[in-house]
Amino acid sequence: MNVLEYINKWTPAVERTLNKLLPAGTKPLPLTQASKHLIRAGGKRLRPCLTLACCEVVGGRAEEVLEAAAAFELLHTFSLIHDDIMDHSDFRRGVKTVHRIWGEPMAILAGDALFAKVFEALSLNARRMGLEGRKVADLFQMVSRASFELSRGQAMDMLFSQRPTLREEEYLEMVALKTGALMRASAASGALLGGGTPSQVKRLGEYGENLGIAFQIQDDILGLVGEEDELGKPVGSDLVEGKRTLVISFALEMLKGRERKKLLRTLGNPSATKEEVKEVISLLEERGVLERTRKRALEFSGKARKLLRGFGESEALTFLEGLTEFVIERRV
């Protein structure tokens, strides 16, 4: 079973669980509508499927951890709503961002509501499974730690945009927190709830973190070379917003003279024209900046795959292995 087949198999169950956690008629309706807006807009549901697969790969039953899986989609969506406010983004997943429709105050509340629902979902799952106290504590610690690390990563991302340069190791630390931490918790929680050994939980958590870093590096590349209708936002938006991605870190190191000045004129310049953005992207491709960045993404996806060695053959393992390629080869 390939990656998309596994996702398609489990997405309906994840959607049903999300709808139970977020009943459509809950008042006030604007808060409920704002909270569900990005969930309804789509998304790959990678984090829930990561939880389900990591449960299965250690011998557990995915059906038993659906609330926990849904919790990670809620946590992810919460972070997107708040990120879009901080980044002043207009579009996400091909639709207007939450704050553009309902305003910033309601968008903040929508994110807060989703964050609260994360822990309700985890509690429901733990109670239904009859988990003993230590395991419940471990589960909540994983998720709360990931939430805090996500906030640290987002803060670093914001602060880095104010700096002229960024070292590769600083970027990697930031994405390990901003993206890797949630993937780590998604994977490790599934393994924990599935009855995995401490060693298996640790390895699958490390798998998730490396997968998340590879995912984010590829996301940065796609933001420059993807198709706008697939990305759900303008191509090059990260560039004009001044985000310090690994691509930009390498570009500032590799480009010299006029080429560097051309990059700096566009970087963080909301007034940059589409033509100017295209010229910079072409420059990044021609000078090998994008290829160097792709190689780093491949290194992290390779690390993730190696961490799967020793797990028995199963549909879940095939999915987890395939995911290391999917995050690199995807176009959206």
C-alpha atoms as a PDB file:
ATOM      1  CA  MET A   1       0.000   0.000   0.000  1.00  0.00           C
ATOM      2  CA  ASN A   2       1.547   3.282  -1.127  1.00  0.00           C
ATOM      3  CA  VAL A   3       1.408   6.606   0.689  1.00  0.00           C
ATOM      4  CA  LEU A   4      -1.717   7.994  -0.960  1.00  0.00           C
ATOM      5  CA  GLU A   5      -3.574   4.683  -0.605  1.00  0.00           C
ATOM      6  CA  TYR A   6      -2.844   4.621   3.130  1.00  0.00           C
ATOM      7  CA  ILE A   7      -3.911   8.259   3.514  1.00  0.00           C
ATOM      8  CA  ASN A   8      -7.104   7.631   1.522  1.00  0.00           C
ATOM      9  CA  LYS A   9      -7.838   4.551   3.636  1.00  0.00           C
ATOM     10  CA  TRP A  10      -7.719   6.432   6.939  1.00  0.00           C
ATOM     11  CA  THR A  11      -8.776   9.988   6.032  1.00  0.00           C
ATOM     12  CA  PRO A  12     -12.554   9.283   6.248  1.00  0.00           C
ATOM     13  CA  ALA A  13     -12.165   7.962   9.813  1.00  0.00           C
ATOM     14  CA  VAL A  14     -10.000  10.953  10.760  1.00  0.00           C
ATOM     15  CA  GLU A  15     -12.597  13.339   9.276  1.00  0.00           C
ATOM     16  CA  ARG A  16     -15.416  11.676  11.223  1.00  0.00           C
ATOM     17  CA  THR A  17     -13.395  12.019  14.416  1.00  0.00           C
ATOM     18  CA  LEU A  18     -12.658  15.691  13.719  1.00  0.00           C
ATOM     19  CA  ASN A  19     -16.357  16.351  13.118  1.00  0.00           C
ATOM     20  CA  LYS A  20     -17.264  14.697  16.427  1.00  0.00           C
ATOM     21  CA  LEU A  21     -14.725  16.865  18.214  1.00  0.00           C
ATOM     22  CA  LEU A  22     -15.943  20.008  16.411  1.00  0.00           C
ATOM     23  CA  PRO A  23     -19.750  19.716  16.038  1.00  0.00           C
ATOM     24  CA  ALA A  24     -20.970  21.996  13.237  1.00  0.00           C
ATOM     25  CA  GLY A  25     -23.765  23.624  15.244  1.00  0.00           C
ATOM     26  CA  THR A  26     -21.712  24.672  18.259  1.00  0.00           C
ATOM     27  CA  LYS A  27     -22.395  28.302  19.227  1.00  0.00           C
ATOM     28  CA  PRO A  28     -21.246  30.900  18.570  1.00  0.00           C
ATOM     29  CA  LEU A  29     -21.281  29.777  14.941  1.00  0.00           C
ATOM     30  CA  PRO A  30     -18.623  32.251  13.710  1.00  0.00           C
ATOM     31  CA  LEU A  31     -16.105  30.703  16.127  1.00  0.00           C
ATOM     32  CA  THR A  32     -16.954  27.168  14.995  1.00  0.00           C
ATOM     33  CA  GLN A  33     -16.850  28.160  11.326  1.00  0.00           C
ATOM     34  CA  ALA A  34     -13.512  29.927  11.768  1.00  0.00           C
ATOM     35  CA  SER A  35     -12.078  26.952  13.666  1.00  0.00           C
ATOM     36  CA  LYS A  36     -13.096  24.478  10.944  1.00  0.00           C
ATOM     37  CA  HIS A  37     -12.274  26.695   7.945  1.00  0.00           C
ATOM     38  CA  LEU A  38      -8.771  25.380   7.167  1.00  0.00           C
ATOM     39  CA  ILE A  39      -9.707  21.814   8.080  1.00  0.00           C
ATOM     40  CA  ARG A  40     -12.517  21.944   5.510  1.00  0.00           C
ATOM     41  CA  ALA A  41     -10.176  23.545   2.961  1.00  0.00           C
ATOM     42  CA  GLY A  42      -8.167  20.333   2.678  1.00  0.00           C
ATOM     43  CA  GLY A  43      -4.694  19.329   3.718  1.00  0.00           C
ATOM     44  CA  LYS A  44      -2.853  16.030   3.424  1.00  0.00           C
ATOM     45  CA  ARG A  45      -3.616  14.710   6.944  1.00  0.00           C
ATOM     46  CA  LEU A  46      -0.010  13.534   7.184  1.00  0.00           C
ATOM     47  CA  ARG A  47       0.258  13.994  10.938  1.00  0.00           C
ATOM     48  CA  PRO A  48      -2.824  11.931  11.833  1.00  0.00           C
ATOM     49  CA  CYS A  49      -1.743   9.197   9.425  1.00  0.00           C
ATOM     50  CA  LEU A  50       1.731   9.278  10.965  1.00  0.00           C
ATOM     51  CA  THR A  51       0.172   8.612  14.376  1.00  0.00           C
ATOM     52  CA  LEU A  52      -1.958   5.767  13.014  1.00  0.00           C
ATOM     53  CA  ALA A  53       0.917   4.125  11.124  1.00  0.00           C
ATOM     54  CA  CYS A  54       3.330   4.335  14.056  1.00  0.00           C
ATOM     55  CA  CYS A  55       0.696   2.699  16.242  1.00  0.00           C
ATOM     56  CA  GLU A  56       0.306  -0.125  13.730  1.00  0.00           C
ATOM     57  CA  VAL A  57       4.003  -0.629  13.063  1.00  0.00           C
ATOM     58  CA  VAL A  58       4.614  -1.534  16.732  1.00  0.00           C
ATOM     59  CA  GLY A  59       1.667  -3.937  16.774  1.00  0.00           C
ATOM     60  CA  GLY A  60      -1.207  -1.673  17.850  1.00  0.00           C
ATOM     61  CA  ARG A  61      -4.597  -1.114  16.215  1.00  0.00           C
ATOM     62  CA  ALA A  62      -5.011   2.195  14.392  1.00  0.00           C
ATOM     63  CA  GLU A  63      -8.747   2.262  15.189  1.00  0.00           C
ATOM     64  CA  GLU A  64      -7.843   2.639  18.848  1.00  0.00           C
ATOM     65  CA  VAL A  65      -5.937   5.920  18.427  1.00  0.00           C
ATOM     66  CA  LEU A  66      -8.161   7.979  16.132  1.00  0.00           C
ATOM     67  CA  GLU A  67      -8.781  10.746  18.684  1.00  0.00           C
ATOM     68  CA  ALA A  68      -5.046  11.129  19.291  1.00  0.00           C
ATOM     69  CA  ALA A  69      -4.443  11.186  15.537  1.00  0.00           C
ATOM     70  CA  ALA A  70      -7.094  13.884  15.107  1.00  0.00           C
ATOM     71  CA  ALA A  71      -5.499  15.849  17.950  1.00  0.00           C
ATOM     72  CA  PHE A  72      -2.385  16.387  15.835  1.00  0.00           C
ATOM     73  CA  GLU A  73      -4.446  17.752  12.950  1.00  0.00           C
ATOM     74  CA  LEU A  74      -6.105  20.151  15.396  1.00  0.00           C
ATOM     75  CA  LEU A  75      -2.740  21.229  16.781  1.00  0.00           C
ATOM     76  CA  HIS A  76      -1.335  21.685  13.280  1.00  0.00           C
ATOM     77  CA  THR A  77      -4.352  23.755  12.207  1.00  0.00           C
ATOM     78  CA  PHE A  78      -4.121  25.913  15.335  1.00  0.00           C
ATOM     79  CA  SER A  79      -0.518  26.713  14.427  1.00  0.00           C
ATOM     80  CA  LEU A  80      -1.447  27.571  10.819  1.00  0.00           C
ATOM     81  CA  ILE A  81      -4.155  30.028  11.884  1.00  0.00           C
ATOM     82  CA  HIS A  82      -1.820  31.874  14.231  1.00  0.00           C
ATOM     83  CA  ASP A  83       1.117  31.723  11.780  1.00  0.00           C
ATOM     84  CA  ASP A  84      -1.022  33.319   9.077  1.00  0.00           C
ATOM     85  CA  ILE A  85      -1.871  36.196  11.415  1.00  0.00           C
ATOM     86  CA  MET A  86       1.796  36.768  12.265  1.00  0.00           C
ATOM     87  CA  ASP A  87       2.885  36.498   8.629  1.00  0.00           C
ATOM     88  CA  HIS A  88      -0.003  38.685   7.352  1.00  0.00           C
ATOM     89  CA  SER A  89      -0.835  35.903   4.872  1.00  0.00           C
ATOM     90  CA  ASP A  90      -3.931  36.244   2.676  1.00  0.00           C
ATOM     91  CA  PHE A  91      -4.284  32.669   1.408  1.00  0.00           C
ATOM     92  CA  ARG A  92      -3.821  29.140   2.720  1.00  0.00           C
ATOM     93  CA  ARG A  93      -4.809  25.886   0.971  1.00  0.00           C
ATOM     94  CA  GLY A  94      -6.332  27.880  -1.864  1.00  0.00           C
ATOM     95  CA  VAL A  95      -8.773  29.823   0.346  1.00  0.00           C
ATOM     96  CA  LYS A  96      -8.641  33.095   2.249  1.00  0.00           C
ATOM     97  CA  THR A  97      -6.951  32.815   5.626  1.00  0.00           C
ATOM     98  CA  VAL A  98      -9.088  32.757   8.763  1.00  0.00           C
ATOM     99  CA  HIS A  99      -8.174  36.269   9.888  1.00  0.00           C
ATOM    100  CA  ARG A 100      -8.965  37.700   6.440  1.00  0.00           C
ATOM    101  CA  ILE A 101     -12.542  36.397   6.690  1.00  0.00           C
ATOM    102  CA  TRP A 102     -13.370  36.670  10.393  1.00  0.00           C
ATOM    103  CA  GLY A 103     -10.802  39.233  11.568  1.00  0.00           C
ATOM    104  CA  GLU A 104      -7.793  38.801  13.806  1.00  0.00           C
ATOM    105  CA  PRO A 105      -9.606  38.626  17.179  1.00  0.00           C
ATOM    106  CA  MET A 106     -11.873  35.762  16.045  1.00  0.00           C
ATOM    107  CA  ALA A 107      -8.954  34.018  14.317  1.00  0.00           C
ATOM    108  CA  ILE A 108      -6.955  34.106  17.552  1.00  0.00           C
ATOM    109  CA  LEU A 109      -9.938  32.623  19.405  1.00  0.00           C
ATOM    110  CA  ALA A 110     -10.358  29.945  16.715  1.00  0.00           C
ATOM    111  CA  GLY A 111      -6.752  28.898  17.171  1.00  0.00           C
ATOM    112  CA  ASP A 112      -7.159  28.879  20.945  1.00  0.00           C
ATOM    113  CA  ALA A 113     -10.308  26.752  20.638  1.00  0.00           C
ATOM    114  CA  LEU A 114      -8.490  24.185  18.502  1.00  0.00           C
ATOM    115  CA  PHE A 115      -5.623  24.091  20.985  1.00  0.00           C
ATOM    116  CA  ALA A 116      -8.077  23.340  23.804  1.00  0.00           C
ATOM    117  CA  LYS A 117      -9.686  20.586  21.730  1.00  0.00           C
ATOM    118  CA  VAL A 118      -6.284  18.903  21.328  1.00  0.00           C
ATOM    119  CA  PHE A 119      -6.238  17.959  24.986  1.00  0.00           C
ATOM    120  CA  GLU A 120      -9.902  16.980  25.018  1.00  0.00           C
ATOM    121  CA  ALA A 121      -9.177  14.567  22.156  1.00  0.00           C
ATOM    122  CA  LEU A 122      -6.184  13.084  23.963  1.00  0.00           C
ATOM    123  CA  SER A 123      -8.207  12.695  27.164  1.00  0.00           C
ATOM    124  CA  LEU A 124     -11.027  10.922  25.319  1.00  0.00           C
ATOM    125  CA  ASN A 125      -8.547   8.534  23.725  1.00  0.00           C
ATOM    126  CA  ALA A 126      -6.727   7.812  26.979  1.00  0.00           C
ATOM    127  CA  ARG A 127      -9.987   7.190  28.866  1.00  0.00           C
ATOM    128  CA  ARG A 128     -11.426   4.918  26.169  1.00  0.00           C
ATOM    129  CA  MET A 129      -8.240   2.839  26.083  1.00  0.00           C
ATOM    130  CA  GLY A 130      -8.077   2.696  29.869  1.00  0.00           C
ATOM    131  CA  LEU A 131      -4.490   3.934  29.906  1.00  0.00           C
ATOM    132  CA  GLU A 132      -2.621   3.800  33.191  1.00  0.00           C
ATOM    133  CA  GLY A 133      -1.414   7.042  34.758  1.00  0.00           C
ATOM    134  CA  ARG A 134       2.231   6.902  33.675  1.00  0.00           C
ATOM    135  CA  LYS A 135       1.359   6.399  30.025  1.00  0.00           C
ATOM    136  CA  VAL A 136      -1.200   9.223  30.133  1.00  0.00           C
ATOM    137  CA  ALA A 137       1.429  11.511  31.657  1.00  0.00           C
ATOM    138  CA  ASP A 138       3.952  10.537  28.958  1.00  0.00           C
ATOM    139  CA  LEU A 139       1.390  11.219  26.221  1.00  0.00           C
ATOM    140  CA  PHE A 140       0.474  14.660  27.549  1.00  0.00           C
ATOM    141  CA  GLN A 141       4.126  15.539  28.073  1.00  0.00           C
ATOM    142  CA  MET A 142       4.932  14.649  24.449  1.00  0.00           C
ATOM    143  CA  VAL A 143       2.163  16.853  23.111  1.00  0.00           C
ATOM    144  CA  SER A 144       2.666  19.793  25.474  1.00  0.00           C
ATOM    145  CA  ARG A 145       6.413  19.753  24.785  1.00  0.00           C
ATOM    146  CA  ALA A 146       5.793  19.725  21.030  1.00  0.00           C
ATOM    147  CA  SER A 147       3.397  22.672  21.431  1.00  0.00           C
ATOM    148  CA  PHE A 148       6.000  24.674  23.324  1.00  0.00           C
ATOM    149  CA  GLU A 149       8.746  23.798  20.836  1.00  0.00           C
ATOM    150  CA  LEU A 150       6.466  24.793  17.971  1.00  0.00           C
ATOM    151  CA  SER A 151       6.059  28.212  19.596  1.00  0.00           C
ATOM    152  CA  ARG A 152       9.820  28.531  20.044  1.00  0.00           C
ATOM    153  CA  GLY A 153      10.353  27.660  16.393  1.00  0.00           C
ATOM    154  CA  GLN A 154       7.798  30.200  15.199  1.00  0.00           C
ATOM    155  CA  ALA A 155       9.392  32.882  17.377  1.00  0.00           C
ATOM    156  CA  MET A 156      12.798  32.087  15.866  1.00  0.00           C
ATOM    157  CA  ASP A 157      11.286  32.263  12.369  1.00  0.00           C
ATOM    158  CA  MET A 158       9.907  35.736  13.090  1.00  0.00           C
ATOM    159  CA  LEU A 159      13.142  36.981  14.658  1.00  0.00           C
ATOM    160  CA  PHE A 160      15.293  35.563  11.858  1.00  0.00           C
ATOM    161  CA  SER A 161      13.349  37.570   9.256  1.00  0.00           C
ATOM    162  CA  GLN A 162      14.742  40.732  10.855  1.00  0.00           C
ATOM    163  CA  ARG A 163      18.343  39.615  10.347  1.00  0.00           C
ATOM    164  CA  PRO A 164      20.476  40.116   7.237  1.00  0.00           C
ATOM    165  CA  THR A 165      21.958  36.590   7.310  1.00  0.00           C
ATOM    166  CA  LEU A 166      21.193  33.175   8.754  1.00  0.00           C
ATOM    167  CA  ARG A 167      23.527  30.236   9.309  1.00  0.00           C
ATOM    168  CA  GLU A 168      22.438  26.780   8.189  1.00  0.00           C
ATOM    169  CA  GLU A 169      22.632  25.372  11.718  1.00  0.00           C
ATOM    170  CA  GLU A 170      20.331  28.160  12.967  1.00  0.00           C
ATOM    171  CA  TYR A 171      17.772  27.356  10.291  1.00  0.00           C
ATOM    172  CA  LEU A 172      17.909  23.636  11.082  1.00  0.00           C
ATOM    173  CA  GLU A 173      17.400  24.315  14.779  1.00  0.00           C
ATOM    174  CA  MET A 174      14.388  26.456  13.937  1.00  0.00           C
ATOM    175  CA  VAL A 175      12.679  23.900  11.660  1.00  0.00           C
ATOM    176  CA  ALA A 176      13.433  21.050  14.065  1.00  0.00           C
ATOM    177  CA  LEU A 177      11.282  23.007  16.517  1.00  0.00           C
ATOM    178  CA  LYS A 178       8.691  24.543  14.210  1.00  0.00           C
ATOM    179  CA  THR A 179       7.982  21.494  12.032  1.00  0.00           C
ATOM    180  CA  GLY A 180      10.027  18.584  13.351  1.00  0.00           C
ATOM    181  CA  ALA A 181       8.671  18.703  16.913  1.00  0.00           C
ATOM    182  CA  LEU A 182       5.056  18.155  15.876  1.00  0.00           C
ATOM    183  CA  MET A 183       6.014  15.325  13.513  1.00  0.00           C
ATOM    184  CA  ARG A 184       8.098  13.793  16.304  1.00  0.00           C
ATOM    185  CA  ALA A 185       5.167  13.905  18.722  1.00  0.00           C
ATOM    186  CA  SER A 186       2.734  12.564  16.098  1.00  0.00           C
ATOM    187  CA  ALA A 187       4.938   9.535  15.498  1.00  0.00           C
ATOM    188  CA  ALA A 188       6.039   8.913  19.085  1.00  0.00           C
ATOM    189  CA  SER A 189       2.493   9.205  20.445  1.00  0.00           C
ATOM    190  CA  GLY A 190       1.248   6.611  17.986  1.00  0.00           C
ATOM    191  CA  ALA A 191       4.033   4.245  19.010  1.00  0.00           C
ATOM    192  CA  LEU A 192       3.357   4.867  22.707  1.00  0.00           C
ATOM    193  CA  LEU A 193      -0.378   4.204  22.384  1.00  0.00           C
ATOM    194  CA  GLY A 194       0.296   1.168  20.203  1.00  0.00           C
ATOM    195  CA  GLY A 195       2.283  -0.471  22.985  1.00  0.00           C
ATOM    196  CA  GLY A 196       5.750   0.130  21.569  1.00  0.00           C
ATOM    197  CA  THR A 197       8.855  -0.322  23.685  1.00  0.00           C
ATOM    198  CA  PRO A 198      10.698   2.802  24.924  1.00  0.00           C
ATOM    199  CA  SER A 199      13.310   2.168  22.221  1.00  0.00           C
ATOM    200  CA  GLN A 200      10.667   1.958  19.485  1.00  0.00           C
ATOM    201  CA  VAL A 201       8.928   5.107  20.725  1.00  0.00           C
ATOM    202  CA  LYS A 202      12.258   6.967  20.702  1.00  0.00           C
ATOM    203  CA  ARG A 203      13.250   5.759  17.220  1.00  0.00           C
ATOM    204  CA  LEU A 204       9.898   6.571  15.680  1.00  0.00           C
ATOM    205  CA  GLY A 205       9.985   9.991  17.327  1.00  0.00           C
ATOM    206  CA  GLU A 206      13.396  10.619  15.748  1.00  0.00           C
ATOM    207  CA  TYR A 207      12.009   9.347  12.446  1.00  0.00           C
ATOM    208  CA  GLY A 208       9.210  11.915  12.691  1.00  0.00           C
ATOM    209  CA  GLU A 209      11.575  14.771  13.477  1.00  0.00           C
ATOM    210  CA  ASN A 210      13.882  14.022  10.539  1.00  0.00           C
ATOM    211  CA  LEU A 211      10.869  13.583   8.279  1.00  0.00           C
ATOM    212  CA  GLY A 212       9.555  16.958   9.444  1.00  0.00           C
ATOM    213  CA  ILE A 213      12.835  18.712   8.687  1.00  0.00           C
ATOM    214  CA  ALA A 214      12.940  17.178   5.197  1.00  0.00           C
ATOM    215  CA  PHE A 215       9.296  18.174   4.711  1.00  0.00           C
ATOM    216  CA  GLN A 216       9.963  21.799   5.664  1.00  0.00           C
ATOM    217  CA  ILE A 217      13.049  22.141   3.472  1.00  0.00           C
ATOM    218  CA  GLN A 218      11.062  20.797   0.517  1.00  0.00           C
ATOM    219  CA  ASP A 219       8.204  23.141   1.444  1.00  0.00           C
ATOM    220  CA  ASP A 220      10.615  26.073   1.190  1.00  0.00           C
ATOM    221  CA  ILE A 221      11.683  24.896  -2.272  1.00  0.00           C
ATOM    222  CA  LEU A 222       8.096  24.383  -3.448  1.00  0.00           C
ATOM    223  CA  GLY A 223       7.292  27.919  -2.368  1.00  0.00           C
ATOM    224  CA  LEU A 224       9.635  29.041  -5.157  1.00  0.00           C
ATOM    225  CA  VAL A 225       9.168  26.453  -7.919  1.00  0.00           C
ATOM    226  CA  GLY A 226       5.659  25.075  -7.316  1.00  0.00           C
ATOM    227  CA  GLU A 227       2.431  25.955  -9.113  1.00  0.00           C
ATOM    228  CA  GLU A 228       0.290  28.644  -7.508  1.00  0.00           C
ATOM    229  CA  ASP A 229      -2.969  26.688  -7.871  1.00  0.00           C
ATOM    230  CA  GLU A 230      -1.348  23.696  -6.160  1.00  0.00           C
ATOM    231  CA  LEU A 231       0.400  25.687  -3.428  1.00  0.00           C
ATOM    232  CA  GLY A 232      -2.724  27.625  -2.522  1.00  0.00           C
ATOM    233  CA  LYS A 233      -0.667  30.810  -2.214  1.00  0.00           C
ATOM    234  CA  PRO A 234       1.422  32.993  -4.565  1.00  0.00           C
ATOM    235  CA  VAL A 235       4.732  31.523  -5.761  1.00  0.00           C
ATOM    236  CA  GLY A 236       7.599  33.386  -4.130  1.00  0.00           C
ATOM    237  CA  SER A 237       5.489  34.684  -1.239  1.00  0.00           C
ATOM    238  CA  ASP A 238       8.111  33.544   1.286  1.00  0.00           C
ATOM    239  CA  LEU A 239      10.695  35.547  -0.645  1.00  0.00           C
ATOM    240  CA  VAL A 240       8.791  38.838  -0.635  1.00  0.00           C
ATOM    241  CA  GLU A 241       7.770  38.271   3.008  1.00  0.00           C
ATOM    242  CA  GLY A 242      11.474  38.092   3.874  1.00  0.00           C
ATOM    243  CA  LYS A 243      11.407  34.597   5.375  1.00  0.00           C
ATOM    244  CA  ARG A 244      14.877  33.228   6.127  1.00  0.00           C
ATOM    245  CA  THR A 245      14.598  29.739   4.652  1.00  0.00           C
ATOM    246  CA  LEU A 246      17.472  27.360   3.946  1.00  0.00           C
ATOM    247  CA  VAL A 247      17.250  28.430   0.300  1.00  0.00           C
ATOM    248  CA  ILE A 248      17.837  32.039   1.327  1.00  0.00           C
ATOM    249  CA  SER A 249      20.611  31.058   3.737  1.00  0.00           C
ATOM    250  CA  PHE A 250      22.451  29.275   0.919  1.00  0.00           C
ATOM    251  CA  ALA A 251      21.679  32.056  -1.573  1.00  0.00           C
ATOM    252  CA  LEU A 252      23.169  34.746   0.660  1.00  0.00           C
ATOM    253  CA  GLU A 253      26.277  32.600   0.975  1.00  0.00           C
ATOM    254  CA  MET A 254      26.598  31.659  -2.718  1.00  0.00           C
ATOM    255  CA  LEU A 255      25.493  34.764  -4.631  1.00  0.00           C
ATOM    256  CA  LYS A 256      27.933  37.629  -5.083  1.00  0.00           C
ATOM    257  CA  GLY A 257      27.964  41.146  -6.491  1.00  0.00           C
ATOM    258  CA  ARG A 258      25.010  42.158  -8.673  1.00  0.00           C
ATOM    259  CA  GLU A 259      23.282  38.821  -8.204  1.00  0.00           C
ATOM    260  CA  ARG A 260      23.316  39.208  -4.439  1.00  0.00           C
ATOM    261  CA  LYS A 261      22.009  42.783  -4.749  1.00  0.00           C
ATOM    262  CA  LYS A 262      19.169  41.540  -6.964  1.00  0.00           C
ATOM    263  CA  LEU A 263      18.220  39.009  -4.297  1.00  0.00           C
ATOM    264  CA  LEU A 264      18.350  41.620  -1.524  1.00  0.00           C
ATOM    265  CA  ARG A 265      16.131  44.020  -3.523  1.00  0.00           C
ATOM    266  CA  THR A 266      13.421  41.359  -3.644  1.00  0.00           C
ATOM    267  CA  LEU A 267      13.861  39.752  -0.231  1.00  0.00           C
ATOM    268  CA  GLY A 268      11.339  41.191   2.208  1.00  0.00           C
ATOM    269  CA  ASN A 269       9.988  43.606  -0.408  1.00  0.00           C
ATOM    270  CA  PRO A 270       6.171  43.341  -0.727  1.00  0.00           C
ATOM    271  CA  SER A 271       6.361  45.756  -3.680  1.00  0.00           C
ATOM    272  CA  ALA A 272       8.558  43.416  -5.744  1.00  0.00           C
ATOM    273  CA  THR A 273       6.969  42.600  -9.110  1.00  0.00           C
ATOM    274  CA  LYS A 274       6.216  39.071 -10.308  1.00  0.00           C
ATOM    275  CA  GLU A 275       8.915  39.512 -12.931  1.00  0.00           C
ATOM    276  CA  GLU A 276      11.512  40.449 -10.320  1.00  0.00           C
ATOM    277  CA  VAL A 277      10.546  37.416  -8.239  1.00  0.00           C
ATOM    278  CA  LYS A 278      10.823  35.149 -11.301  1.00  0.00           C
ATOM    279  CA  GLU A 279      14.290  36.521 -12.086  1.00  0.00           C
ATOM    280  CA  VAL A 280      15.523  35.758  -8.574  1.00  0.00           C
ATOM    281  CA  ILE A 281      14.055  32.235  -8.665  1.00  0.00           C
ATOM    282  CA  SER A 282      15.767  31.582 -12.013  1.00  0.00           C
ATOM    283  CA  LEU A 283      19.010  32.811 -10.495  1.00  0.00           C
ATOM    284  CA  LEU A 284      18.666  30.419  -7.558  1.00  0.00           C
ATOM    285  CA  GLU A 285      18.175  27.531  -9.963  1.00  0.00           C
ATOM    286  CA  GLU A 286      21.041  28.510 -12.283  1.00  0.00           C
ATOM    287  CA  ARG A 287      23.576  28.994  -9.484  1.00  0.00           C
ATOM    288  CA  GLY A 288      22.834  25.637  -7.858  1.00  0.00           C
ATOM    289  CA  VAL A 289      21.196  27.081  -4.749  1.00  0.00           C
ATOM    290  CA  LEU A 290      18.023  25.018  -5.130  1.00  0.00           C
ATOM    291  CA  GLU A 291      19.950  21.840  -5.932  1.00  0.00           C
ATOM    292  CA  ARG A 292      22.100  22.238  -2.825  1.00  0.00           C
ATOM    293  CA  THR A 293      18.946  22.724  -0.774  1.00  0.00           C
ATOM    294  CA  ARG A 294      17.323  19.623  -2.311  1.00  0.00           C
ATOM    295  CA  LYS A 295      20.336  17.546  -1.319  1.00  0.00           C
ATOM    296  CA  ARG A 296      19.943  18.607   2.310  1.00  0.00           C
ATOM    297  CA  ALA A 297      16.275  17.601   2.231  1.00  0.00           C
ATOM    298  CA  LEU A 298      17.284  14.196   0.845  1.00  0.00           C
ATOM    299  CA  GLU A 299      19.828  13.751   3.629  1.00  0.00           C
ATOM    300  CA  PHE A 300      17.162  14.186   6.295  1.00  0.00           C
ATOM    301  CA  SER A 301      14.646  11.942   4.538  1.00  0.00           C
ATOM    302  CA  GLY A 302      17.411   9.330   4.282  1.00  0.00           C
ATOM    303  CA  LYS A 303      18.067   9.589   8.021  1.00  0.00           C
ATOM    304  CA  ALA A 304      14.363   9.080   8.654  1.00  0.00           C
ATOM    305  CA  ARG A 305      14.246   5.943   6.510  1.00  0.00           C
ATOM    306  CA  LYS A 306      17.238   4.382   8.284  1.00  0.00           C
ATOM    307  CA  LEU A 307      15.426   4.728  11.602  1.00  0.00           C
ATOM    308  CA  LEU A 308      12.748   2.319  10.315  1.00  0.00           C
ATOM    309  CA  ARG A 309      15.166  -0.586  10.079  1.00  0.00           C
ATOM    310  CA  GLY A 310      14.193  -3.491  12.302  1.00  0.00           C
ATOM    311  CA  PHE A 311      10.429  -3.031  12.159  1.00  0.00           C
ATOM    312  CA  GLY A 312       8.473  -5.960  10.726  1.00  0.00           C
ATOM    313  CA  GLU A 313       6.920  -5.835   7.265  1.00  0.00           C
ATOM    314  CA  SER A 314       3.429  -4.334   7.238  1.00  0.00           C
ATOM    315  CA  GLU A 315       1.227  -1.864   5.356  1.00  0.00           C
ATOM    316  CA  ALA A 316       2.124   0.699   7.990  1.00  0.00           C
ATOM    317  CA  LEU A 317       5.866   0.211   7.472  1.00  0.00           C
ATOM    318  CA  THR A 318       5.444   0.509   3.706  1.00  0.00           C
ATOM    319  CA  PHE A 319       3.610   3.792   4.280  1.00  0.00           C
ATOM    320  CA  LEU A 320       6.280   5.142   6.641  1.00  0.00           C
ATOM    321  CA  GLU A 321       9.050   4.176   4.203  1.00  0.00           C
ATOM    322  CA  GLY A 322       7.150   5.691   1.292  1.00  0.00           C
ATOM    323  CA  LEU A 323       6.593   8.869   3.251  1.00  0.00           C
ATOM    324  CA  THR A 324      10.350   9.546   3.247  1.00  0.00           C
ATOM    325  CA  GLU A 325      10.162   9.749  -0.559  1.00  0.00           C
ATOM    326  CA  PHE A 326       6.755  11.411  -0.710  1.00  0.00           C
ATOM    327  CA  VAL A 327       7.832  14.468   1.306  1.00  0.00           C
ATOM    328  CA  ILE A 328      10.603  15.101  -1.243  1.00  0.00           C
ATOM    329  CA  GLU A 329       8.739  14.259  -4.450  1.00  0.00           C
ATOM    330  CA  ARG A 330       5.450  16.013  -3.641  1.00  0.00           C
ATOM    331  CA  ARG A 331       4.342  19.061  -5.583  1.00  0.00           C
ATOM    332  CA  VAL A 332       2.120  20.526  -2.880  1.00  0.00           C
END
